[in-house]
Amino acid sequence: MIFRSENQTTGIPFTVRVVHQGDTYGLRNSLIHEREDPLIEFFDARFDHERAEDGAPLGQFISRYNLSTLEAKDGFTTHSPIHDGSGIDLQGDVDAWVVDADFIRGLSDFLVEQGLITRDVPEEIPGP
């Protein structure tokens, strides 16, 4: 599953790929995702470095998160950008690799449409 959008503040296009259990991922798709918790991968779509298994362009890999981390359901994270609609700094040393709140809202809508998340926000987010 692929979601494409751009940071409304900078105009930089990003690709987000959802990696399900059994899907390949990583450099040249050389790894197999073995867990139930989907991975959410972010790519800078301005560059043609990585491609999906079907050959679709992804861009330059930036970072990868477990979906449970983005939802603050992993038992460690206390902030959920997916539910509160805030942006994410994907890599602190690259100013261009920030997705804004509009991008995250679009990604959240996509994940709801795909049946991966619901709009239910936990009343109390577990913390360490």
N, C-alpha and C. Protein backbone atom coordinates (compact mmCIF):
# COMPACT_ATOMS: atom_id res chain seq x y z
N MET A 1 0.84 -1.18 0.00
CA MET A 1 0.00 0.00 0.00
C MET A 1 0.88 1.23 0.00
N ILE A 2 0.58 2.13 -0.90
CA ILE A 2 1.40 3.33 -1.03
C ILE A 2 0.51 4.57 -0.95
N PHE A 3 0.98 5.55 -0.17
CA PHE A 3 0.33 6.85 -0.03
C PHE A 3 1.33 7.89 -0.51
N ARG A 4 0.89 8.78 -1.37
CA ARG A 4 1.76 9.86 -1.86
C ARG A 4 1.10 11.21 -1.57
N SER A 5 1.90 12.12 -1.07
CA SER A 5 1.41 13.47 -0.82
C SER A 5 2.62 14.37 -0.68
N GLU A 6 2.37 15.63 -0.40
CA GLU A 6 3.50 16.54 -0.19
C GLU A 6 3.30 17.36 1.06
N ASN A 7 4.41 17.81 1.58
CA ASN A 7 4.40 18.72 2.71
C ASN A 7 3.84 20.04 2.19
N GLN A 8 2.70 20.46 2.70
CA GLN A 8 2.05 21.67 2.22
C GLN A 8 2.88 22.92 2.49
N THR A 9 3.73 22.88 3.50
CA THR A 9 4.56 24.03 3.84
C THR A 9 5.73 24.19 2.89
N THR A 10 6.37 23.08 2.51
CA THR A 10 7.57 23.14 1.68
C THR A 10 7.35 22.70 0.24
N GLY A 11 6.26 21.99 -0.03
CA GLY A 11 6.02 21.47 -1.36
C GLY A 11 6.81 20.21 -1.69
N ILE A 12 7.54 19.68 -0.73
CA ILE A 12 8.35 18.48 -0.98
C ILE A 12 7.44 17.25 -1.00
N PRO A 13 7.53 16.44 -2.07
CA PRO A 13 6.70 15.25 -2.15
C PRO A 13 7.30 14.08 -1.37
N PHE A 14 6.43 13.33 -0.72
CA PHE A 14 6.85 12.15 0.04
C PHE A 14 6.01 10.96 -0.38
N THR A 15 6.62 9.79 -0.27
CA THR A 15 5.91 8.53 -0.46
C THR A 15 5.93 7.81 0.87
N VAL A 16 4.79 7.22 1.23
CA VAL A 16 4.70 6.39 2.44
C VAL A 16 4.27 5.00 1.99
N ARG A 17 5.02 4.01 2.43
CA ARG A 17 4.67 2.63 2.09
C ARG A 17 4.33 1.89 3.37
N VAL A 18 3.25 1.13 3.33
CA VAL A 18 2.85 0.26 4.43
C VAL A 18 3.39 -1.13 4.12
N VAL A 19 4.17 -1.67 5.05
CA VAL A 19 4.76 -3.00 4.89
C VAL A 19 4.04 -3.94 5.85
N HIS A 20 3.33 -4.90 5.29
CA HIS A 20 2.59 -5.88 6.09
C HIS A 20 3.43 -7.12 6.36
N GLN A 21 2.98 -7.90 7.31
CA GLN A 21 3.63 -9.17 7.62
C GLN A 21 3.75 -9.99 6.33
N GLY A 22 4.96 -10.47 6.05
CA GLY A 22 5.22 -11.26 4.85
C GLY A 22 5.71 -10.45 3.67
N ASP A 23 5.57 -9.10 3.72
CA ASP A 23 6.05 -8.23 2.64
C ASP A 23 7.57 -8.08 2.73
N THR A 24 8.17 -7.78 1.58
CA THR A 24 9.60 -7.48 1.57
C THR A 24 9.80 -5.98 1.78
N TYR A 25 10.96 -5.63 2.32
CA TYR A 25 11.30 -4.23 2.55
C TYR A 25 12.81 -4.14 2.69
N GLY A 26 13.30 -2.93 2.93
CA GLY A 26 14.74 -2.72 3.10
C GLY A 26 15.44 -2.56 1.76
N LEU A 27 16.75 -2.39 1.83
CA LEU A 27 17.56 -2.18 0.64
C LEU A 27 17.34 -3.31 -0.36
N ARG A 28 16.91 -2.93 -1.55
CA ARG A 28 16.60 -3.89 -2.63
C ARG A 28 15.59 -4.95 -2.19
N ASN A 29 14.72 -4.58 -1.24
CA ASN A 29 13.66 -5.48 -0.76
C ASN A 29 14.23 -6.82 -0.31
N SER A 30 15.32 -6.76 0.42
CA SER A 30 16.02 -7.99 0.81
C SER A 30 15.58 -8.56 2.16
N LEU A 31 14.69 -7.86 2.86
CA LEU A 31 14.20 -8.33 4.16
C LEU A 31 12.72 -8.70 4.06
N ILE A 32 12.28 -9.57 4.94
CA ILE A 32 10.86 -9.94 5.00
C ILE A 32 10.33 -9.53 6.37
N HIS A 33 9.23 -8.78 6.36
CA HIS A 33 8.63 -8.33 7.62
C HIS A 33 7.89 -9.49 8.27
N GLU A 34 8.29 -9.86 9.47
CA GLU A 34 7.76 -11.05 10.12
C GLU A 34 6.71 -10.77 11.19
N ARG A 35 6.52 -9.54 11.59
CA ARG A 35 5.59 -9.23 12.67
C ARG A 35 4.23 -8.78 12.16
N GLU A 36 3.23 -8.89 13.03
CA GLU A 36 1.88 -8.45 12.66
C GLU A 36 1.77 -6.94 12.56
N ASP A 37 2.50 -6.22 13.40
CA ASP A 37 2.45 -4.76 13.44
C ASP A 37 3.05 -4.22 12.13
N PRO A 38 2.24 -3.57 11.28
CA PRO A 38 2.77 -3.07 10.01
C PRO A 38 3.87 -2.03 10.22
N LEU A 39 4.78 -1.97 9.26
CA LEU A 39 5.81 -0.93 9.23
C LEU A 39 5.31 0.20 8.34
N ILE A 40 5.63 1.43 8.72
CA ILE A 40 5.29 2.60 7.92
C ILE A 40 6.62 3.23 7.51
N GLU A 41 6.89 3.20 6.20
CA GLU A 41 8.16 3.71 5.68
C GLU A 41 7.94 5.05 4.98
N PHE A 42 8.85 5.98 5.18
CA PHE A 42 8.79 7.31 4.57
C PHE A 42 9.95 7.47 3.58
N PHE A 43 9.62 8.01 2.40
CA PHE A 43 10.61 8.24 1.35
C PHE A 43 10.47 9.66 0.81
N ASP A 44 11.59 10.27 0.44
CA ASP A 44 11.59 11.56 -0.24
C ASP A 44 11.40 11.25 -1.73
N ALA A 45 10.25 11.61 -2.27
CA ALA A 45 9.88 11.24 -3.64
C ALA A 45 10.59 12.06 -4.71
N ARG A 46 11.41 13.03 -4.31
CA ARG A 46 12.16 13.80 -5.30
C ARG A 46 13.28 12.98 -5.92
N PHE A 47 13.65 11.90 -5.27
CA PHE A 47 14.78 11.10 -5.71
C PHE A 47 14.32 9.70 -6.13
N ASP A 48 15.03 9.10 -7.06
CA ASP A 48 14.66 7.78 -7.58
C ASP A 48 15.67 6.74 -7.11
N HIS A 49 15.74 6.53 -5.79
CA HIS A 49 16.72 5.59 -5.24
C HIS A 49 16.13 4.20 -4.99
N GLU A 50 14.94 4.15 -4.47
CA GLU A 50 14.34 2.87 -4.09
C GLU A 50 13.07 2.63 -4.89
N ARG A 51 12.80 1.36 -5.13
CA ARG A 51 11.58 0.97 -5.83
C ARG A 51 10.87 -0.12 -5.05
N ALA A 52 9.56 -0.14 -5.17
CA ALA A 52 8.77 -1.19 -4.55
C ALA A 52 9.01 -2.49 -5.30
N GLU A 53 8.55 -3.58 -4.73
CA GLU A 53 8.72 -4.89 -5.35
C GLU A 53 8.14 -4.93 -6.77
N ASP A 54 7.05 -4.19 -7.00
CA ASP A 54 6.43 -4.16 -8.32
C ASP A 54 7.08 -3.16 -9.28
N GLY A 55 8.16 -2.51 -8.83
CA GLY A 55 8.88 -1.55 -9.66
C GLY A 55 8.44 -0.12 -9.51
N ALA A 56 7.40 0.14 -8.74
CA ALA A 56 6.91 1.51 -8.54
C ALA A 56 7.97 2.32 -7.81
N PRO A 57 8.23 3.55 -8.26
CA PRO A 57 9.22 4.38 -7.59
C PRO A 57 8.75 4.79 -6.20
N LEU A 58 9.68 4.74 -5.24
CA LEU A 58 9.38 5.15 -3.87
C LEU A 58 10.10 6.45 -3.54
N GLY A 59 11.38 6.54 -3.85
CA GLY A 59 12.19 7.70 -3.54
C GLY A 59 13.37 7.31 -2.69
N GLN A 60 13.93 8.29 -2.00
CA GLN A 60 15.05 8.04 -1.10
C GLN A 60 14.50 7.68 0.28
N PHE A 61 14.92 6.54 0.78
CA PHE A 61 14.44 6.10 2.09
C PHE A 61 14.87 7.11 3.15
N ILE A 62 13.93 7.41 4.06
CA ILE A 62 14.22 8.32 5.17
C ILE A 62 14.15 7.58 6.50
N SER A 63 12.99 7.02 6.81
CA SER A 63 12.82 6.36 8.10
C SER A 63 11.65 5.39 8.06
N ARG A 64 11.60 4.57 9.10
CA ARG A 64 10.58 3.53 9.21
C ARG A 64 10.12 3.46 10.66
N TYR A 65 8.80 3.33 10.84
CA TYR A 65 8.21 3.22 12.16
C TYR A 65 7.24 2.04 12.19
N ASN A 66 7.10 1.44 13.34
CA ASN A 66 5.99 0.51 13.54
C ASN A 66 4.73 1.35 13.61
N LEU A 67 3.63 0.85 13.05
CA LEU A 67 2.37 1.58 13.13
C LEU A 67 1.98 1.81 14.59
N SER A 68 2.23 0.82 15.45
CA SER A 68 1.89 0.97 16.87
C SER A 68 2.64 2.14 17.51
N THR A 69 3.84 2.44 17.04
CA THR A 69 4.59 3.58 17.56
C THR A 69 3.92 4.89 17.15
N LEU A 70 3.52 4.99 15.89
CA LEU A 70 2.85 6.21 15.42
C LEU A 70 1.49 6.42 16.08
N GLU A 71 0.90 5.33 16.54
CA GLU A 71 -0.39 5.42 17.23
C GLU A 71 -0.22 5.54 18.74
N ALA A 72 1.01 5.49 19.24
CA ALA A 72 1.30 5.50 20.69
C ALA A 72 0.65 4.31 21.38
N LYS A 73 0.68 3.17 20.72
CA LYS A 73 0.12 1.95 21.30
C LYS A 73 1.21 0.89 21.55
N ASP A 74 2.45 1.33 21.56
CA ASP A 74 3.55 0.38 21.71
C ASP A 74 4.02 0.23 23.15
N GLY A 75 3.43 1.00 24.07
CA GLY A 75 3.83 0.90 25.48
C GLY A 75 5.02 1.78 25.82
N PHE A 76 5.63 2.43 24.82
CA PHE A 76 6.80 3.28 25.07
C PHE A 76 6.54 4.73 24.68
N THR A 77 5.78 4.92 23.63
CA THR A 77 5.54 6.24 23.07
C THR A 77 4.33 6.88 23.74
N THR A 78 4.43 8.15 24.05
CA THR A 78 3.31 8.84 24.70
C THR A 78 2.66 9.88 23.79
N HIS A 79 3.18 10.07 22.59
CA HIS A 79 2.66 11.07 21.66
C HIS A 79 2.28 10.37 20.36
N SER A 80 1.07 10.59 19.88
CA SER A 80 0.60 9.96 18.65
C SER A 80 0.32 10.99 17.56
N PRO A 81 1.28 11.19 16.64
CA PRO A 81 1.01 12.14 15.56
C PRO A 81 -0.15 11.70 14.68
N ILE A 82 -0.39 10.41 14.57
CA ILE A 82 -1.50 9.91 13.76
C ILE A 82 -2.84 10.36 14.33
N HIS A 83 -2.97 10.37 15.65
CA HIS A 83 -4.24 10.74 16.27
C HIS A 83 -4.36 12.22 16.59
N ASP A 84 -3.24 12.87 16.89
CA ASP A 84 -3.38 14.30 17.23
C ASP A 84 -3.12 15.21 16.04
N GLY A 85 -2.71 14.62 14.90
CA GLY A 85 -2.57 15.40 13.67
C GLY A 85 -1.38 16.34 13.64
N SER A 86 -0.37 16.07 14.44
CA SER A 86 0.82 16.92 14.39
C SER A 86 1.78 16.40 13.33
N GLY A 87 2.75 17.19 12.98
CA GLY A 87 3.75 16.79 12.00
C GLY A 87 4.81 15.90 12.63
N ILE A 88 5.72 15.40 11.78
CA ILE A 88 6.81 14.55 12.26
C ILE A 88 8.11 15.01 11.60
N ASP A 89 9.14 15.21 12.41
CA ASP A 89 10.49 15.43 11.91
C ASP A 89 11.08 14.04 11.68
N LEU A 90 11.20 13.65 10.41
CA LEU A 90 11.60 12.28 10.08
C LEU A 90 13.09 12.02 10.27
N GLN A 91 13.89 13.07 10.16
CA GLN A 91 15.33 12.93 10.41
C GLN A 91 15.86 14.30 10.80
N GLY A 92 16.26 14.41 12.06
CA GLY A 92 16.59 15.70 12.65
C GLY A 92 17.68 16.50 11.96
N ASP A 93 18.59 15.85 11.25
CA ASP A 93 19.68 16.60 10.63
C ASP A 93 19.40 17.00 9.18
N VAL A 94 18.19 16.72 8.68
CA VAL A 94 17.82 17.12 7.31
C VAL A 94 16.54 17.96 7.41
N ASP A 95 16.69 19.27 7.25
CA ASP A 95 15.55 20.17 7.42
C ASP A 95 14.39 19.86 6.49
N ALA A 96 14.67 19.35 5.29
CA ALA A 96 13.62 19.08 4.31
C ALA A 96 12.76 17.88 4.69
N TRP A 97 13.24 17.02 5.58
CA TRP A 97 12.54 15.78 5.88
C TRP A 97 11.63 15.91 7.09
N VAL A 98 10.69 16.82 6.95
CA VAL A 98 9.64 17.04 7.93
C VAL A 98 8.31 16.95 7.20
N VAL A 99 7.39 16.18 7.75
CA VAL A 99 6.04 16.16 7.18
C VAL A 99 5.14 16.96 8.13
N ASP A 100 4.36 17.84 7.54
CA ASP A 100 3.54 18.75 8.34
C ASP A 100 2.22 18.10 8.76
N ALA A 101 1.46 18.85 9.55
CA ALA A 101 0.19 18.34 10.09
C ALA A 101 -0.79 17.96 8.99
N ASP A 102 -0.85 18.74 7.90
CA ASP A 102 -1.76 18.41 6.79
C ASP A 102 -1.39 17.06 6.18
N PHE A 103 -0.10 16.80 6.03
CA PHE A 103 0.35 15.52 5.48
C PHE A 103 -0.08 14.38 6.40
N ILE A 104 0.13 14.55 7.69
CA ILE A 104 -0.22 13.49 8.66
C ILE A 104 -1.72 13.25 8.67
N ARG A 105 -2.52 14.32 8.56
CA ARG A 105 -3.97 14.13 8.49
C ARG A 105 -4.35 13.31 7.26
N GLY A 106 -3.73 13.60 6.12
CA GLY A 106 -3.97 12.82 4.91
C GLY A 106 -3.55 11.37 5.07
N LEU A 107 -2.39 11.15 5.69
CA LEU A 107 -1.93 9.79 5.95
C LEU A 107 -2.89 9.07 6.89
N SER A 108 -3.34 9.75 7.92
CA SER A 108 -4.29 9.16 8.85
C SER A 108 -5.58 8.75 8.13
N ASP A 109 -6.09 9.62 7.27
CA ASP A 109 -7.29 9.30 6.48
C ASP A 109 -7.04 8.05 5.63
N PHE A 110 -5.88 7.97 5.00
CA PHE A 110 -5.51 6.82 4.18
C PHE A 110 -5.49 5.54 5.01
N LEU A 111 -4.88 5.61 6.21
CA LEU A 111 -4.79 4.42 7.07
C LEU A 111 -6.17 3.98 7.55
N VAL A 112 -7.07 4.94 7.80
CA VAL A 112 -8.45 4.60 8.16
C VAL A 112 -9.14 3.92 6.98
N GLU A 113 -9.00 4.49 5.78
CA GLU A 113 -9.61 3.90 4.58
C GLU A 113 -9.12 2.48 4.34
N GLN A 114 -7.87 2.22 4.67
CA GLN A 114 -7.28 0.89 4.46
C GLN A 114 -7.63 -0.08 5.59
N GLY A 115 -8.33 0.41 6.62
CA GLY A 115 -8.73 -0.43 7.74
C GLY A 115 -7.60 -0.74 8.71
N LEU A 116 -6.54 0.07 8.68
CA LEU A 116 -5.39 -0.18 9.55
C LEU A 116 -5.50 0.52 10.91
N ILE A 117 -6.24 1.61 10.96
CA ILE A 117 -6.46 2.32 12.22
C ILE A 117 -7.93 2.76 12.27
N THR A 118 -8.34 3.15 13.45
CA THR A 118 -9.66 3.74 13.62
C THR A 118 -9.47 5.15 14.16
N ARG A 119 -10.53 5.89 14.18
CA ARG A 119 -10.47 7.26 14.72
C ARG A 119 -10.54 7.27 16.23
N ASP A 120 -10.73 6.11 16.85
CA ASP A 120 -10.79 6.04 18.30
C ASP A 120 -9.43 6.42 18.88
N VAL A 121 -9.44 7.40 19.74
CA VAL A 121 -8.21 7.82 20.41
C VAL A 121 -8.26 7.30 21.82
N PRO A 122 -7.18 6.64 22.28
CA PRO A 122 -7.20 6.14 23.67
C PRO A 122 -7.41 7.29 24.64
N GLU A 123 -8.22 7.04 25.68
CA GLU A 123 -8.46 8.08 26.70
C GLU A 123 -7.18 8.42 27.42
N GLU A 124 -6.40 7.44 27.72
CA GLU A 124 -5.14 7.68 28.40
C GLU A 124 -4.07 6.90 27.65
N ILE A 125 -3.07 7.62 27.15
CA ILE A 125 -1.99 6.98 26.40
C ILE A 125 -0.98 6.46 27.41
N PRO A 126 -0.67 5.13 27.34
CA PRO A 126 0.27 4.57 28.30
C PRO A 126 1.66 5.15 28.13
N GLY A 127 2.33 5.40 29.21
CA GLY A 127 3.69 5.94 29.15
C GLY A 127 4.64 5.08 29.94
N PRO A 128 5.91 5.38 29.83
CA PRO A 128 6.91 4.59 30.56
C PRO A 128 6.85 4.79 32.05
